[in-house]
Amino acid sequence: MKREAKKYTVMLLGEPYTLISDEPEMHIMQAVSRVDALMNELSESLKSKDAKRVAALAALQFAHKNLSFEEQLRSYQDELIARINRLTGS
């Protein structure tokens, strides 16, 4: 069942952005909250309001976290497969 896309106006680093998504609103708002918090943190630590620079650094940090999570998930999957193989004698 396809969800209907909705339009959202959100704030990132004090600027309004319009999003259109078919994801649940709670998911969108959680993502916006995380991105905004990280962008504000980076902006304060860099002492910069350059939105492009802050956005690029935030994107890189989220990509790094995502890659780390994927590596950890692969490791857990490999470990689980090895345990199953030991139990089944495969």
N, C-alpha and C. Protein backbone atom coordinates (compact mmCIF):
# COMPACT_ATOMS: atom_id res chain seq x y z
N MET A 1 0.84 -1.18 0.00
CA MET A 1 0.00 0.00 0.00
C MET A 1 0.88 1.25 0.00
N LYS A 2 0.71 2.08 -1.00
CA LYS A 2 1.52 3.29 -1.13
C LYS A 2 0.96 4.40 -0.25
N ARG A 3 1.88 5.07 0.46
CA ARG A 3 1.48 6.19 1.31
C ARG A 3 1.41 7.46 0.48
N GLU A 4 0.55 8.36 0.90
CA GLU A 4 0.41 9.64 0.21
C GLU A 4 1.49 10.60 0.67
N ALA A 5 2.10 11.28 -0.28
CA ALA A 5 3.15 12.25 0.04
C ALA A 5 2.52 13.49 0.68
N LYS A 6 3.21 14.00 1.68
CA LYS A 6 2.78 15.22 2.36
C LYS A 6 3.89 16.26 2.26
N LYS A 7 3.49 17.51 2.38
CA LYS A 7 4.42 18.63 2.32
C LYS A 7 4.68 19.14 3.73
N TYR A 8 5.95 19.34 4.06
CA TYR A 8 6.36 19.82 5.37
C TYR A 8 7.24 21.05 5.20
N THR A 9 7.08 22.01 6.07
CA THR A 9 8.01 23.13 6.16
C THR A 9 8.74 22.94 7.48
N VAL A 10 10.05 22.79 7.39
CA VAL A 10 10.87 22.51 8.57
C VAL A 10 11.96 23.56 8.68
N MET A 11 12.55 23.64 9.86
CA MET A 11 13.63 24.60 10.10
C MET A 11 14.93 23.84 10.30
N LEU A 12 15.95 24.24 9.56
CA LEU A 12 17.30 23.72 9.72
C LEU A 12 18.25 24.89 9.84
N LEU A 13 18.96 24.95 10.93
CA LEU A 13 19.90 26.03 11.19
C LEU A 13 19.22 27.40 11.06
N GLY A 14 17.96 27.44 11.54
CA GLY A 14 17.22 28.69 11.54
C GLY A 14 16.61 29.09 10.20
N GLU A 15 16.73 28.24 9.18
CA GLU A 15 16.20 28.55 7.86
C GLU A 15 15.07 27.58 7.51
N PRO A 16 14.00 28.07 6.87
CA PRO A 16 12.90 27.18 6.49
C PRO A 16 13.24 26.39 5.22
N TYR A 17 12.83 25.13 5.22
CA TYR A 17 12.98 24.25 4.06
C TYR A 17 11.67 23.52 3.86
N THR A 18 11.29 23.33 2.61
CA THR A 18 10.08 22.59 2.29
C THR A 18 10.47 21.20 1.85
N LEU A 19 9.85 20.21 2.47
CA LEU A 19 10.08 18.81 2.14
C LEU A 19 8.79 18.18 1.67
N ILE A 20 8.88 17.24 0.75
CA ILE A 20 7.74 16.43 0.35
C ILE A 20 8.16 14.99 0.52
N SER A 21 7.37 14.24 1.31
CA SER A 21 7.74 12.87 1.61
C SER A 21 6.50 12.03 1.88
N ASP A 22 6.62 10.73 1.58
CA ASP A 22 5.54 9.81 1.93
C ASP A 22 5.89 9.02 3.19
N GLU A 23 6.98 9.40 3.85
CA GLU A 23 7.35 8.78 5.12
C GLU A 23 6.41 9.30 6.22
N PRO A 24 6.25 8.51 7.29
CA PRO A 24 5.41 8.99 8.40
C PRO A 24 5.94 10.30 8.97
N GLU A 25 5.04 11.17 9.38
CA GLU A 25 5.44 12.49 9.90
C GLU A 25 6.41 12.38 11.06
N MET A 26 6.18 11.43 11.96
CA MET A 26 7.07 11.28 13.11
C MET A 26 8.50 10.97 12.65
N HIS A 27 8.64 10.16 11.62
CA HIS A 27 9.96 9.82 11.07
C HIS A 27 10.64 11.08 10.51
N ILE A 28 9.89 11.86 9.76
CA ILE A 28 10.43 13.09 9.17
C ILE A 28 10.88 14.05 10.28
N MET A 29 10.04 14.23 11.28
CA MET A 29 10.35 15.18 12.35
C MET A 29 11.54 14.72 13.18
N GLN A 30 11.69 13.41 13.40
CA GLN A 30 12.86 12.91 14.12
C GLN A 30 14.13 13.15 13.30
N ALA A 31 14.05 12.91 12.00
CA ALA A 31 15.21 13.14 11.14
C ALA A 31 15.58 14.63 11.12
N VAL A 32 14.58 15.48 10.98
CA VAL A 32 14.82 16.93 10.97
C VAL A 32 15.45 17.36 12.30
N SER A 33 14.94 16.84 13.39
CA SER A 33 15.46 17.20 14.71
C SER A 33 16.92 16.81 14.85
N ARG A 34 17.28 15.61 14.39
CA ARG A 34 18.68 15.17 14.46
C ARG A 34 19.59 16.02 13.59
N VAL A 35 19.15 16.30 12.37
CA VAL A 35 19.97 17.08 11.46
C VAL A 35 20.13 18.51 11.99
N ASP A 36 19.04 19.10 12.44
CA ASP A 36 19.11 20.46 12.97
C ASP A 36 20.02 20.54 14.19
N ALA A 37 19.90 19.57 15.09
CA ALA A 37 20.75 19.57 16.28
C ALA A 37 22.22 19.47 15.90
N LEU A 38 22.55 18.58 14.97
CA LEU A 38 23.94 18.43 14.55
C LEU A 38 24.43 19.69 13.84
N MET A 39 23.60 20.25 12.97
CA MET A 39 24.01 21.47 12.26
C MET A 39 24.26 22.62 13.24
N ASN A 40 23.39 22.76 14.24
CA ASN A 40 23.59 23.82 15.23
C ASN A 40 24.85 23.57 16.05
N GLU A 41 25.09 22.33 16.41
CA GLU A 41 26.30 21.98 17.16
C GLU A 41 27.55 22.31 16.34
N LEU A 42 27.54 21.90 15.07
CA LEU A 42 28.69 22.19 14.21
C LEU A 42 28.87 23.69 14.00
N SER A 43 27.77 24.39 13.79
CA SER A 43 27.83 25.84 13.58
C SER A 43 28.45 26.54 14.78
N GLU A 44 28.07 26.11 15.98
CA GLU A 44 28.63 26.70 17.20
C GLU A 44 30.11 26.37 17.36
N SER A 45 30.46 25.10 17.10
CA SER A 45 31.87 24.71 17.30
C SER A 45 32.77 25.33 16.24
N LEU A 46 32.25 25.54 15.03
CA LEU A 46 33.03 26.17 13.96
C LEU A 46 32.97 27.69 14.03
N LYS A 47 32.06 28.18 14.86
CA LYS A 47 31.80 29.62 14.93
C LYS A 47 31.50 30.17 13.53
N SER A 48 30.66 29.38 12.81
CA SER A 48 30.33 29.74 11.43
C SER A 48 28.83 29.55 11.18
N LYS A 49 28.24 30.47 10.45
CA LYS A 49 26.86 30.34 10.02
C LYS A 49 26.78 30.02 8.53
N ASP A 50 27.91 29.62 7.94
CA ASP A 50 27.94 29.25 6.53
C ASP A 50 27.17 27.94 6.37
N ALA A 51 25.91 28.04 5.95
CA ALA A 51 25.01 26.89 5.90
C ALA A 51 25.54 25.77 5.00
N LYS A 52 26.17 26.13 3.87
CA LYS A 52 26.70 25.10 2.97
C LYS A 52 27.80 24.29 3.65
N ARG A 53 28.69 24.97 4.31
CA ARG A 53 29.80 24.29 4.99
C ARG A 53 29.28 23.40 6.12
N VAL A 54 28.37 23.95 6.92
CA VAL A 54 27.81 23.21 8.04
C VAL A 54 27.02 22.00 7.52
N ALA A 55 26.24 22.19 6.46
CA ALA A 55 25.46 21.09 5.89
C ALA A 55 26.37 19.99 5.34
N ALA A 56 27.44 20.39 4.68
CA ALA A 56 28.38 19.40 4.13
C ALA A 56 29.03 18.59 5.25
N LEU A 57 29.45 19.27 6.31
CA LEU A 57 30.07 18.56 7.44
C LEU A 57 29.07 17.66 8.16
N ALA A 58 27.83 18.12 8.28
CA ALA A 58 26.79 17.29 8.90
C ALA A 58 26.53 16.05 8.04
N ALA A 59 26.45 16.23 6.73
CA ALA A 59 26.24 15.10 5.83
C ALA A 59 27.38 14.09 5.94
N LEU A 60 28.60 14.59 6.00
CA LEU A 60 29.75 13.69 6.16
C LEU A 60 29.70 12.93 7.48
N GLN A 61 29.31 13.62 8.54
CA GLN A 61 29.24 12.95 9.84
C GLN A 61 28.14 11.87 9.84
N PHE A 62 26.97 12.17 9.26
CA PHE A 62 25.91 11.17 9.18
C PHE A 62 26.32 10.01 8.28
N ALA A 63 27.01 10.28 7.19
CA ALA A 63 27.48 9.21 6.30
C ALA A 63 28.47 8.31 7.04
N HIS A 64 29.37 8.92 7.80
CA HIS A 64 30.34 8.14 8.59
C HIS A 64 29.62 7.23 9.58
N LYS A 65 28.63 7.79 10.30
CA LYS A 65 27.88 6.99 11.27
C LYS A 65 27.13 5.87 10.56
N ASN A 66 26.57 6.15 9.40
CA ASN A 66 25.84 5.14 8.64
C ASN A 66 26.77 4.02 8.19
N LEU A 67 27.95 4.37 7.70
CA LEU A 67 28.93 3.35 7.28
C LEU A 67 29.37 2.50 8.46
N SER A 68 29.61 3.13 9.60
CA SER A 68 30.00 2.39 10.80
C SER A 68 28.89 1.43 11.22
N PHE A 69 27.66 1.91 11.17
CA PHE A 69 26.51 1.07 11.51
C PHE A 69 26.41 -0.12 10.55
N GLU A 70 26.58 0.11 9.25
CA GLU A 70 26.51 -0.97 8.26
C GLU A 70 27.62 -2.00 8.51
N GLU A 71 28.81 -1.55 8.83
CA GLU A 71 29.92 -2.47 9.13
C GLU A 71 29.60 -3.31 10.36
N GLN A 72 29.06 -2.68 11.38
CA GLN A 72 28.71 -3.40 12.61
C GLN A 72 27.59 -4.42 12.32
N LEU A 73 26.62 -4.03 11.51
CA LEU A 73 25.53 -4.94 11.15
C LEU A 73 26.05 -6.14 10.38
N ARG A 74 26.97 -5.91 9.43
CA ARG A 74 27.57 -7.01 8.68
C ARG A 74 28.33 -7.95 9.61
N SER A 75 29.02 -7.39 10.58
CA SER A 75 29.76 -8.20 11.54
C SER A 75 28.80 -9.06 12.35
N TYR A 76 27.70 -8.48 12.81
CA TYR A 76 26.70 -9.24 13.56
C TYR A 76 26.09 -10.33 12.68
N GLN A 77 25.83 -10.01 11.42
CA GLN A 77 25.26 -11.00 10.51
C GLN A 77 26.24 -12.17 10.32
N ASP A 78 27.51 -11.85 10.10
CA ASP A 78 28.52 -12.90 9.93
C ASP A 78 28.62 -13.77 11.17
N GLU A 79 28.58 -13.13 12.34
CA GLU A 79 28.66 -13.88 13.60
C GLU A 79 27.44 -14.79 13.77
N LEU A 80 26.27 -14.27 13.44
CA LEU A 80 25.04 -15.06 13.55
C LEU A 80 25.06 -16.24 12.59
N ILE A 81 25.51 -16.03 11.35
CA ILE A 81 25.60 -17.11 10.37
C ILE A 81 26.58 -18.17 10.86
N ALA A 82 27.71 -17.75 11.41
CA ALA A 82 28.71 -18.70 11.93
C ALA A 82 28.11 -19.52 13.08
N ARG A 83 27.35 -18.89 13.96
CA ARG A 83 26.73 -19.61 15.08
C ARG A 83 25.70 -20.61 14.56
N ILE A 84 24.91 -20.19 13.60
CA ILE A 84 23.90 -21.10 13.02
C ILE A 84 24.59 -22.29 12.36
N ASN A 85 25.67 -22.01 11.63
CA ASN A 85 26.40 -23.09 10.97
C ASN A 85 26.99 -24.07 11.99
N ARG A 86 27.51 -23.55 13.11
CA ARG A 86 28.04 -24.43 14.15
C ARG A 86 26.93 -25.29 14.75
N LEU A 87 25.77 -24.69 14.98
CA LEU A 87 24.66 -25.44 15.58
C LEU A 87 24.08 -26.49 14.64
N THR A 88 24.08 -26.19 13.35
CA THR A 88 23.48 -27.13 12.38
C THR A 88 24.52 -28.05 11.78
N GLY A 89 25.80 -27.82 12.10
CA GLY A 89 26.85 -28.67 11.56
C GLY A 89 27.14 -28.43 10.10
N SER A 90 26.77 -27.25 9.61
CA SER A 90 27.00 -26.91 8.19
C SER A 90 28.41 -26.45 7.96
